Structure formats: structure tokens, C-alpha cells
PDB file of N, CA and C in Angstrom:
ATOM      1  N   MET A   1     143.532 160.627  -4.701  1.00  0.00           N
ATOM      2  CA  MET A   1     143.250 161.757  -3.821  1.00  0.00           C
ATOM      3  C   MET A   1     142.490 161.243  -2.595  1.00  0.00           C
ATOM      4  N   PRO A   2     142.898 161.648  -1.406  1.00  0.00           N
ATOM      5  CA  PRO A   2     142.239 161.147  -0.200  1.00  0.00           C
ATOM      6  C   PRO A   2     140.832 161.713  -0.038  1.00  0.00           C
ATOM      7  N   THR A   3     139.990 160.941   0.622  1.00  0.00           N
ATOM      8  CA  THR A   3     138.644 161.371   0.984  1.00  0.00           C
ATOM      9  C   THR A   3     138.688 161.898   2.407  1.00  0.00           C
ATOM     10  N   GLU A   4     138.183 163.103   2.617  1.00  0.00           N
ATOM     11  CA  GLU A   4     138.162 163.681   3.958  1.00  0.00           C
ATOM     12  C   GLU A   4     137.051 163.042   4.783  1.00  0.00           C
ATOM     13  N   ILE A   5     137.343 162.807   6.050  1.00  0.00           N
ATOM     14  CA  ILE A   5     136.357 162.322   7.019  1.00  0.00           C
ATOM     15  C   ILE A   5     136.005 163.516   7.891  1.00  0.00           C
ATOM     16  N   TYR A   6     134.725 163.857   7.937  1.00  0.00           N
ATOM     17  CA  TYR A   6     134.278 165.035   8.682  1.00  0.00           C
ATOM     18  C   TYR A   6     133.579 164.649   9.978  1.00  0.00           C
ATOM     19  N   LEU A   7     133.605 165.561  10.946  1.00  0.00           N
ATOM     20  CA  LEU A   7     132.749 165.438  12.113  1.00  0.00           C
ATOM     21  C   LEU A   7     131.361 165.846  11.635  1.00  0.00           C
ATOM     22  N   VAL A   8     130.466 164.882  11.544  1.00  0.00           N
ATOM     23  CA  VAL A   8     129.152 165.154  10.959  1.00  0.00           C
ATOM     24  C   VAL A   8     128.302 166.015  11.886  1.00  0.00           C
ATOM     25  N   LYS A   9     127.434 166.821  11.284  1.00  0.00           N
ATOM     26  CA  LYS A   9     126.498 167.643  12.038  1.00  0.00           C
ATOM     27  C   LYS A   9     125.177 166.900  12.115  1.00  0.00           C
ATOM     28  N   VAL A  10     124.684 166.745  13.333  1.00  0.00           N
ATOM     29  CA  VAL A  10     123.429 166.044  13.571  1.00  0.00           C
ATOM     30  C   VAL A  10     122.452 167.059  14.158  1.00  0.00           C
ATOM     31  N   GLY A  11     121.484 167.481  13.378  1.00  0.00           N
ATOM     32  CA  GLY A  11     120.506 168.449  13.853  1.00  0.00           C
ATOM     33  C   GLY A  11     120.962 169.884  13.636  1.00  0.00           C
ATOM     34  N   MET A  12     119.998 170.778  13.598  1.00  0.00           N
ATOM     35  CA  MET A  12     120.265 172.188  13.307  1.00  0.00           C
ATOM     36  C   MET A  12     120.949 172.916  14.465  1.00  0.00           C
ATOM     37  N   THR A  13     120.781 172.424  15.689  1.00  0.00           N
ATOM     38  CA  THR A  13     121.306 173.152  16.843  1.00  0.00           C
ATOM     39  C   THR A  13     122.663 172.650  17.324  1.00  0.00           C
ATOM     40  N   MET A  14     123.216 171.650  16.673  1.00  0.00           N
ATOM     41  CA  MET A  14     124.511 171.106  17.107  1.00  0.00           C
ATOM     42  C   MET A  14     125.616 172.134  16.882  1.00  0.00           C
ATOM     43  N   THR A  15     126.344 172.454  17.952  1.00  0.00           N
ATOM     44  CA  THR A  15     127.439 173.418  17.851  1.00  0.00           C
ATOM     45  C   THR A  15     128.803 172.789  18.102  1.00  0.00           C
ATOM     46  N   GLU A  16     128.827 171.620  18.737  1.00  0.00           N
ATOM     47  CA  GLU A  16     130.085 170.921  18.959  1.00  0.00           C
ATOM     48  C   GLU A  16     129.831 169.439  19.180  1.00  0.00           C
ATOM     49  N   GLY A  17     130.869 168.676  18.966  1.00  0.00           N
ATOM     50  CA  GLY A  17     130.813 167.234  19.166  1.00  0.00           C
ATOM     51  C   GLY A  17     132.225 166.694  19.182  1.00  0.00           C
ATOM     52  N   MET A  18     132.338 165.374  19.300  1.00  0.00           N
ATOM     53  CA  MET A  18     133.673 164.784  19.316  1.00  0.00           C
ATOM     54  C   MET A  18     133.651 163.357  18.801  1.00  0.00           C
ATOM     55  N   VAL A  19     134.802 162.941  18.341  1.00  0.00           N
ATOM     56  CA  VAL A  19     135.030 161.532  18.070  1.00  0.00           C
ATOM     57  C   VAL A  19     135.304 160.925  19.439  1.00  0.00           C
ATOM     58  N   SER A  20     134.376 160.099  19.928  1.00  0.00           N
ATOM     59  CA  SER A  20     134.607 159.499  21.245  1.00  0.00           C
ATOM     60  C   SER A  20     135.432 158.226  21.143  1.00  0.00           C
ATOM     61  N   ALA A  21     135.414 157.587  19.958  1.00  0.00           N
ATOM     62  CA  ALA A  21     136.231 156.386  19.733  1.00  0.00           C
ATOM     63  C   ALA A  21     136.360 156.140  18.243  1.00  0.00           C
ATOM     64  N   TRP A  22     137.506 155.684  17.832  1.00  0.00           N
ATOM     65  CA  TRP A  22     137.711 155.216  16.460  1.00  0.00           C
ATOM     66  C   TRP A  22     137.479 153.710  16.449  1.00  0.00           C
ATOM     67  N   TYR A  23     136.680 153.214  15.512  1.00  0.00           N
ATOM     68  CA  TYR A  23     136.452 151.775  15.376  1.00  0.00           C
ATOM     69  C   TYR A  23     137.483 151.127  14.463  1.00  0.00           C
ATOM     70  N   VAL A  24     138.115 151.925  13.612  1.00  0.00           N
ATOM     71  CA  VAL A  24     139.136 151.436  12.690  1.00  0.00           C
ATOM     72  C   VAL A  24     140.461 152.062  13.112  1.00  0.00           C
ATOM     73  N   GLU A  25     141.449 151.236  13.337  1.00  0.00           N
ATOM     74  CA  GLU A  25     142.763 151.714  13.770  1.00  0.00           C
ATOM     75  C   GLU A  25     143.419 152.579  12.697  1.00  0.00           C
ATOM     76  N   ASP A  26     144.259 153.498  13.139  1.00  0.00           N
ATOM     77  CA  ASP A  26     145.024 154.339  12.229  1.00  0.00           C
ATOM     78  C   ASP A  26     145.912 153.449  11.354  1.00  0.00           C
ATOM     79  N   GLY A  27     145.804 153.612  10.035  1.00  0.00           N
ATOM     80  CA  GLY A  27     146.591 152.817   9.094  1.00  0.00           C
ATOM     81  C   GLY A  27     145.940 151.511   8.674  1.00  0.00           C
ATOM     82  N   ALA A  28     144.758 151.227   9.211  1.00  0.00           N
ATOM     83  CA  ALA A  28     144.055 149.983   8.887  1.00  0.00           C
ATOM     84  C   ALA A  28     143.087 150.196   7.723  1.00  0.00           C
ATOM     85  N   PRO A  29     142.753 149.133   6.998  1.00  0.00           N
ATOM     86  CA  PRO A  29     141.786 149.254   5.907  1.00  0.00           C
ATOM     87  C   PRO A  29     140.357 149.334   6.434  1.00  0.00           C
ATOM     88  N   VAL A  30     139.502 150.000   5.658  1.00  0.00           N
ATOM     89  CA  VAL A  30     138.079 150.095   5.968  1.00  0.00           C
ATOM     90  C   VAL A  30     137.304 149.897   4.673  1.00  0.00           C
ATOM     91  N   ASP A  31     136.124 149.305   4.780  1.00  0.00           N
ATOM     92  CA  ASP A  31     135.231 149.142   3.640  1.00  0.00           C
ATOM     93  C   ASP A  31     134.123 150.182   3.709  1.00  0.00           C
ATOM     94  N   ARG A  32     133.602 150.550   2.553  1.00  0.00           N
ATOM     95  CA  ARG A  32     132.478 151.493   2.496  1.00  0.00           C
ATOM     96  C   ARG A  32     131.321 150.936   3.326  1.00  0.00           C
ATOM     97  N   GLY A  33     130.722 151.789   4.169  1.00  0.00           N
ATOM     98  CA  GLY A  33     129.588 151.404   4.992  1.00  0.00           C
ATOM     99  C   GLY A  33     129.957 150.807   6.341  1.00  0.00           C
ATOM    100  N   GLU A  34     131.227 150.562   6.560  1.00  0.00           N
ATOM    101  CA  GLU A  34     131.690 150.004   7.837  1.00  0.00           C
ATOM    102  C   GLU A  34     131.719 151.112   8.889  1.00  0.00           C
ATOM    103  N   PRO A  35     131.321 150.816  10.142  1.00  0.00           N
ATOM    104  CA  PRO A  35     131.414 151.833  11.193  1.00  0.00           C
ATOM    105  C   PRO A  35     132.850 152.327  11.330  1.00  0.00           C
ATOM    106  N   LEU A  36     133.009 153.643  11.347  1.00  0.00           N
ATOM    107  CA  LEU A  36     134.328 154.267  11.325  1.00  0.00           C
ATOM    108  C   LEU A  36     134.688 154.895  12.674  1.00  0.00           C
ATOM    109  N   TYR A  37     133.755 155.700  13.204  1.00  0.00           N
ATOM    110  CA  TYR A  37     133.996 156.309  14.518  1.00  0.00           C
ATOM    111  C   TYR A  37     132.685 156.538  15.250  1.00  0.00           C
ATOM    112  N   ALA A  38     132.795 156.703  16.565  1.00  0.00           N
ATOM    113  CA  ALA A  38     131.648 157.025  17.409  1.00  0.00           C
ATOM    114  C   ALA A  38     131.602 158.540  17.578  1.00  0.00           C
ATOM    115  N   LEU A  39     130.459 159.126  17.244  1.00  0.00           N
ATOM    116  CA  LEU A  39     130.231 160.563  17.405  1.00  0.00           C
ATOM    117  C   LEU A  39     129.469 160.784  18.700  1.00  0.00           C
ATOM    118  N   GLU A  40     129.932 161.724  19.500  1.00  0.00           N
ATOM    119  CA  GLU A  40     129.254 162.061  20.741  1.00  0.00           C
ATOM    120  C   GLU A  40     128.983 163.556  20.767  1.00  0.00           C
ATOM    121  N   THR A  41     127.730 163.909  21.059  1.00  0.00           N
ATOM    122  CA  THR A  41     127.339 165.306  21.230  1.00  0.00           C
ATOM    123  C   THR A  41     126.628 165.429  22.570  1.00  0.00           C
ATOM    124  N   GLU A  42     126.174 166.630  22.862  1.00  0.00           N
ATOM    125  CA  GLU A  42     125.449 166.856  24.110  1.00  0.00           C
ATOM    126  C   GLU A  42     124.162 166.035  24.170  1.00  0.00           C
ATOM    127  N   LYS A  43     123.534 165.818  23.011  1.00  0.00           N
ATOM    128  CA  LYS A  43     122.225 165.172  22.984  1.00  0.00           C
ATOM    129  C   LYS A  43     122.194 163.779  22.371  1.00  0.00           C
ATOM    130  N   ILE A  44     123.215 163.381  21.628  1.00  0.00           N
ATOM    131  CA  ILE A  44     123.136 162.114  20.896  1.00  0.00           C
ATOM    132  C   ILE A  44     124.507 161.451  20.790  1.00  0.00           C
ATOM    133  N   ASN A  45     124.474 160.143  20.740  1.00  0.00           N
ATOM    134  CA  ASN A  45     125.651 159.335  20.428  1.00  0.00           C
ATOM    135  C   ASN A  45     125.281 158.478  19.228  1.00  0.00           C
ATOM    136  N   MET A  46     126.165 158.405  18.242  1.00  0.00           N
ATOM    137  CA  MET A  46     125.868 157.600  17.057  1.00  0.00           C
ATOM    138  C   MET A  46     127.156 157.141  16.395  1.00  0.00           C
ATOM    139  N   ASP A  47     127.038 156.108  15.579  1.00  0.00           N
ATOM    140  CA  ASP A  47     128.164 155.622  14.797  1.00  0.00           C
ATOM    141  C   ASP A  47     128.146 156.275  13.426  1.00  0.00           C
ATOM    142  N   VAL A  48     129.316 156.632  12.929  1.00  0.00           N
ATOM    143  CA  VAL A  48     129.465 157.223  11.603  1.00  0.00           C
ATOM    144  C   VAL A  48     130.169 156.200  10.719  1.00  0.00           C
ATOM    145  N   GLU A  49     129.598 155.953   9.536  1.00  0.00           N
ATOM    146  CA  GLU A  49     130.127 154.950   8.617  1.00  0.00           C
ATOM    147  C   GLU A  49     131.071 155.569   7.595  1.00  0.00           C
ATOM    148  N   ALA A  50     131.973 154.744   7.089  1.00  0.00           N
ATOM    149  CA  ALA A  50     132.904 155.168   6.042  1.00  0.00           C
ATOM    150  C   ALA A  50     132.144 155.384   4.738  1.00  0.00           C
ATOM    151  N   GLU A  51     132.403 156.498   4.067  1.00  0.00           N
ATOM    152  CA  GLU A  51     131.752 156.805   2.797  1.00  0.00           C
ATOM    153  C   GLU A  51     132.408 156.093   1.629  1.00  0.00           C
ATOM    154  N   THR A  52     133.625 155.619   1.826  1.00  0.00           N
ATOM    155  CA  THR A  52     134.369 154.920   0.784  1.00  0.00           C
ATOM    156  C   THR A  52     135.328 153.946   1.454  1.00  0.00           C
ATOM    157  N   GLY A  53     135.909 153.078   0.677  1.00  0.00           N
ATOM    158  CA  GLY A  53     136.881 152.140   1.212  1.00  0.00           C
ATOM    159  C   GLY A  53     138.295 152.643   1.029  1.00  0.00           C
ATOM    160  N   GLY A  54     139.213 152.154   1.844  1.00  0.00           N
ATOM    161  CA  GLY A  54     140.618 152.532   1.733  1.00  0.00           C
ATOM    162  C   GLY A  54     141.332 152.376   3.057  1.00  0.00           C
ATOM    163  N   ILE A  55     142.428 153.096   3.200  1.00  0.00           N
ATOM    164  CA  ILE A  55     143.240 153.074   4.420  1.00  0.00           C
ATOM    165  C   ILE A  55     142.941 154.333   5.230  1.00  0.00           C
ATOM    166  N   VAL A  56     142.664 154.156   6.515  1.00  0.00           N
ATOM    167  CA  VAL A  56     142.251 155.251   7.392  1.00  0.00           C
ATOM    168  C   VAL A  56     143.461 155.937   8.025  1.00  0.00           C
ATOM    169  N   LYS A  57     143.418 157.274   8.042  1.00  0.00           N
ATOM    170  CA  LYS A  57     144.411 158.089   8.743  1.00  0.00           C
ATOM    171  C   LYS A  57     143.668 159.007   9.704  1.00  0.00           C
ATOM    172  N   HIS A  58     143.898 158.844  11.011  1.00  0.00           N
ATOM    173  CA  HIS A  58     143.259 159.681  12.026  1.00  0.00           C
ATOM    174  C   HIS A  58     143.943 161.040  12.115  1.00  0.00           C
ATOM    175  N   ILE A  59     143.152 162.066  12.361  1.00  0.00           N
ATOM    176  CA  ILE A  59     143.673 163.389  12.704  1.00  0.00           C
ATOM    177  C   ILE A  59     143.162 163.773  14.090  1.00  0.00           C
ATOM    178  N   ALA A  60     141.864 163.526  14.329  1.00  0.00           N
ATOM    179  CA  ALA A  60     141.249 163.898  15.604  1.00  0.00           C
ATOM    180  C   ALA A  60     141.602 162.894  16.696  1.00  0.00           C
ATOM    181  N   THR A  61     141.860 163.429  17.870  1.00  0.00           N
ATOM    182  CA  THR A  61     142.089 162.614  19.054  1.00  0.00           C
ATOM    183  C   THR A  61     140.753 162.381  19.742  1.00  0.00           C
ATOM    184  N   PRO A  62     140.416 161.144  20.087  1.00  0.00           N
ATOM    185  CA  PRO A  62     139.157 160.893  20.787  1.00  0.00           C
ATOM    186  C   PRO A  62     139.050 161.725  22.063  1.00  0.00           C
ATOM    187  N   GLY A  63     137.840 162.261  22.284  1.00  0.00           N
ATOM    188  CA  GLY A  63     137.566 163.027  23.491  1.00  0.00           C
ATOM    189  C   GLY A  63     137.765 164.519  23.372  1.00  0.00           C
ATOM    190  N   VAL A  64     138.212 165.004  22.221  1.00  0.00           N
ATOM    191  CA  VAL A  64     138.442 166.436  22.025  1.00  0.00           C
ATOM    192  C   VAL A  64     137.238 167.046  21.309  1.00  0.00           C
ATOM    193  N   MET A  65     136.579 168.018  21.962  1.00  0.00           N
ATOM    194  CA  MET A  65     135.409 168.667  21.374  1.00  0.00           C
ATOM    195  C   MET A  65     135.834 169.584  20.230  1.00  0.00           C
ATOM    196  N   MET A  66     134.992 169.632  19.183  1.00  0.00           N
ATOM    197  CA  MET A  66     135.247 170.503  18.032  1.00  0.00           C
ATOM    198  C   MET A  66     133.922 170.819  17.351  1.00  0.00           C
ATOM    199  N   GLU A  67     133.952 171.791  16.456  1.00  0.00           N
ATOM    200  CA  GLU A  67     132.739 172.179  15.752  1.00  0.00           C
ATOM    201  C   GLU A  67     132.464 171.186  14.618  1.00  0.00           C
ATOM    202  N   PRO A  68     131.184 171.002  14.273  1.00  0.00           N
ATOM    203  CA  PRO A  68     130.847 170.110  13.163  1.00  0.00           C
ATOM    204  C   PRO A  68     131.449 170.613  11.854  1.00  0.00           C
ATOM    205  N   GLY A  69     131.778 169.676  10.988  1.00  0.00           N
ATOM    206  CA  GLY A  69     132.357 170.018   9.702  1.00  0.00           C
ATOM    207  C   GLY A  69     133.871 169.963   9.683  1.00  0.00           C
ATOM    208  N   ARG A  70     134.504 169.861  10.846  1.00  0.00           N
ATOM    209  CA  ARG A  70     135.967 169.754  10.919  1.00  0.00           C
ATOM    210  C   ARG A  70     136.419 168.416  10.351  1.00  0.00           C
ATOM    211  N   VAL A  71     137.560 168.416   9.710  1.00  0.00           N
ATOM    212  CA  VAL A  71     138.141 167.178   9.198  1.00  0.00           C
ATOM    213  C   VAL A  71     138.755 166.430  10.379  1.00  0.00           C
ATOM    214  N   VAL A  72     138.335 165.167  10.557  1.00  0.00           N
ATOM    215  CA  VAL A  72     138.843 164.354  11.663  1.00  0.00           C
ATOM    216  C   VAL A  72     139.790 163.257  11.181  1.00  0.00           C
ATOM    217  N   GLY A  73     139.844 163.075   9.857  1.00  0.00           N
ATOM    218  CA  GLY A  73     140.732 162.061   9.301  1.00  0.00           C
ATOM    219  C   GLY A  73     140.597 161.987   7.795  1.00  0.00           C
ATOM    220  N   PHE A  74     141.275 161.003   7.214  1.00  0.00           N
ATOM    221  CA  PHE A  74     141.253 160.785   5.765  1.00  0.00           C
ATOM    222  C   PHE A  74     141.145 159.299   5.471  1.00  0.00           C
ATOM    223  N   ILE A  75     140.628 158.989   4.293  1.00  0.00           N
ATOM    224  CA  ILE A  75     140.672 157.630   3.760  1.00  0.00           C
ATOM    225  C   ILE A  75     141.438 157.705   2.453  1.00  0.00           C
ATOM    226  N   PHE A  76     142.535 156.964   2.363  1.00  0.00           N
ATOM    227  CA  PHE A  76     143.392 156.939   1.176  1.00  0.00           C
ATOM    228  C   PHE A  76     143.107 155.710   0.342  1.00  0.00           C
TER     229      PHE A  76
END
């Protein structure tokens, strides 16, 4: 069963953010703890790490704003 990759919520007031860049190519392997994507919000930029290892499938297009909690990809 695939693991969902979410747009993480940073802080109580965050209402939107985006994947500004994927560090792991679509279809490429990733290890647990490896930087997966760059999160950009109005107030902060940070790297989000993979929660598990596997093959990455992107759903979100970099640069598109969305609400926190949205699924941006999967790890199979």
C-alpha cells in the first residue's frame, strides 16, 4: 500500500503553501529521512523528508499553491 506524501502544515496560521521543488525525481527511489521536497510558504521555506523508503510518484506540480494537508505524492 502506498504512503501518502502530504503538504505539511508549519505553524497554526499557515493557510497555504507549495512544493517549490522536488529533490527526488518522479519514479526514482528515496530512502527514509532523505530530503524529498522543498516547502515554501509566505513566512518559511524548509525541506521535507521522506517518512519511508520506496519509489516516489509526484502529484503536485512545483509552484502551485494549495492548502496544507493535501496529498502531493506517494511513496510505493
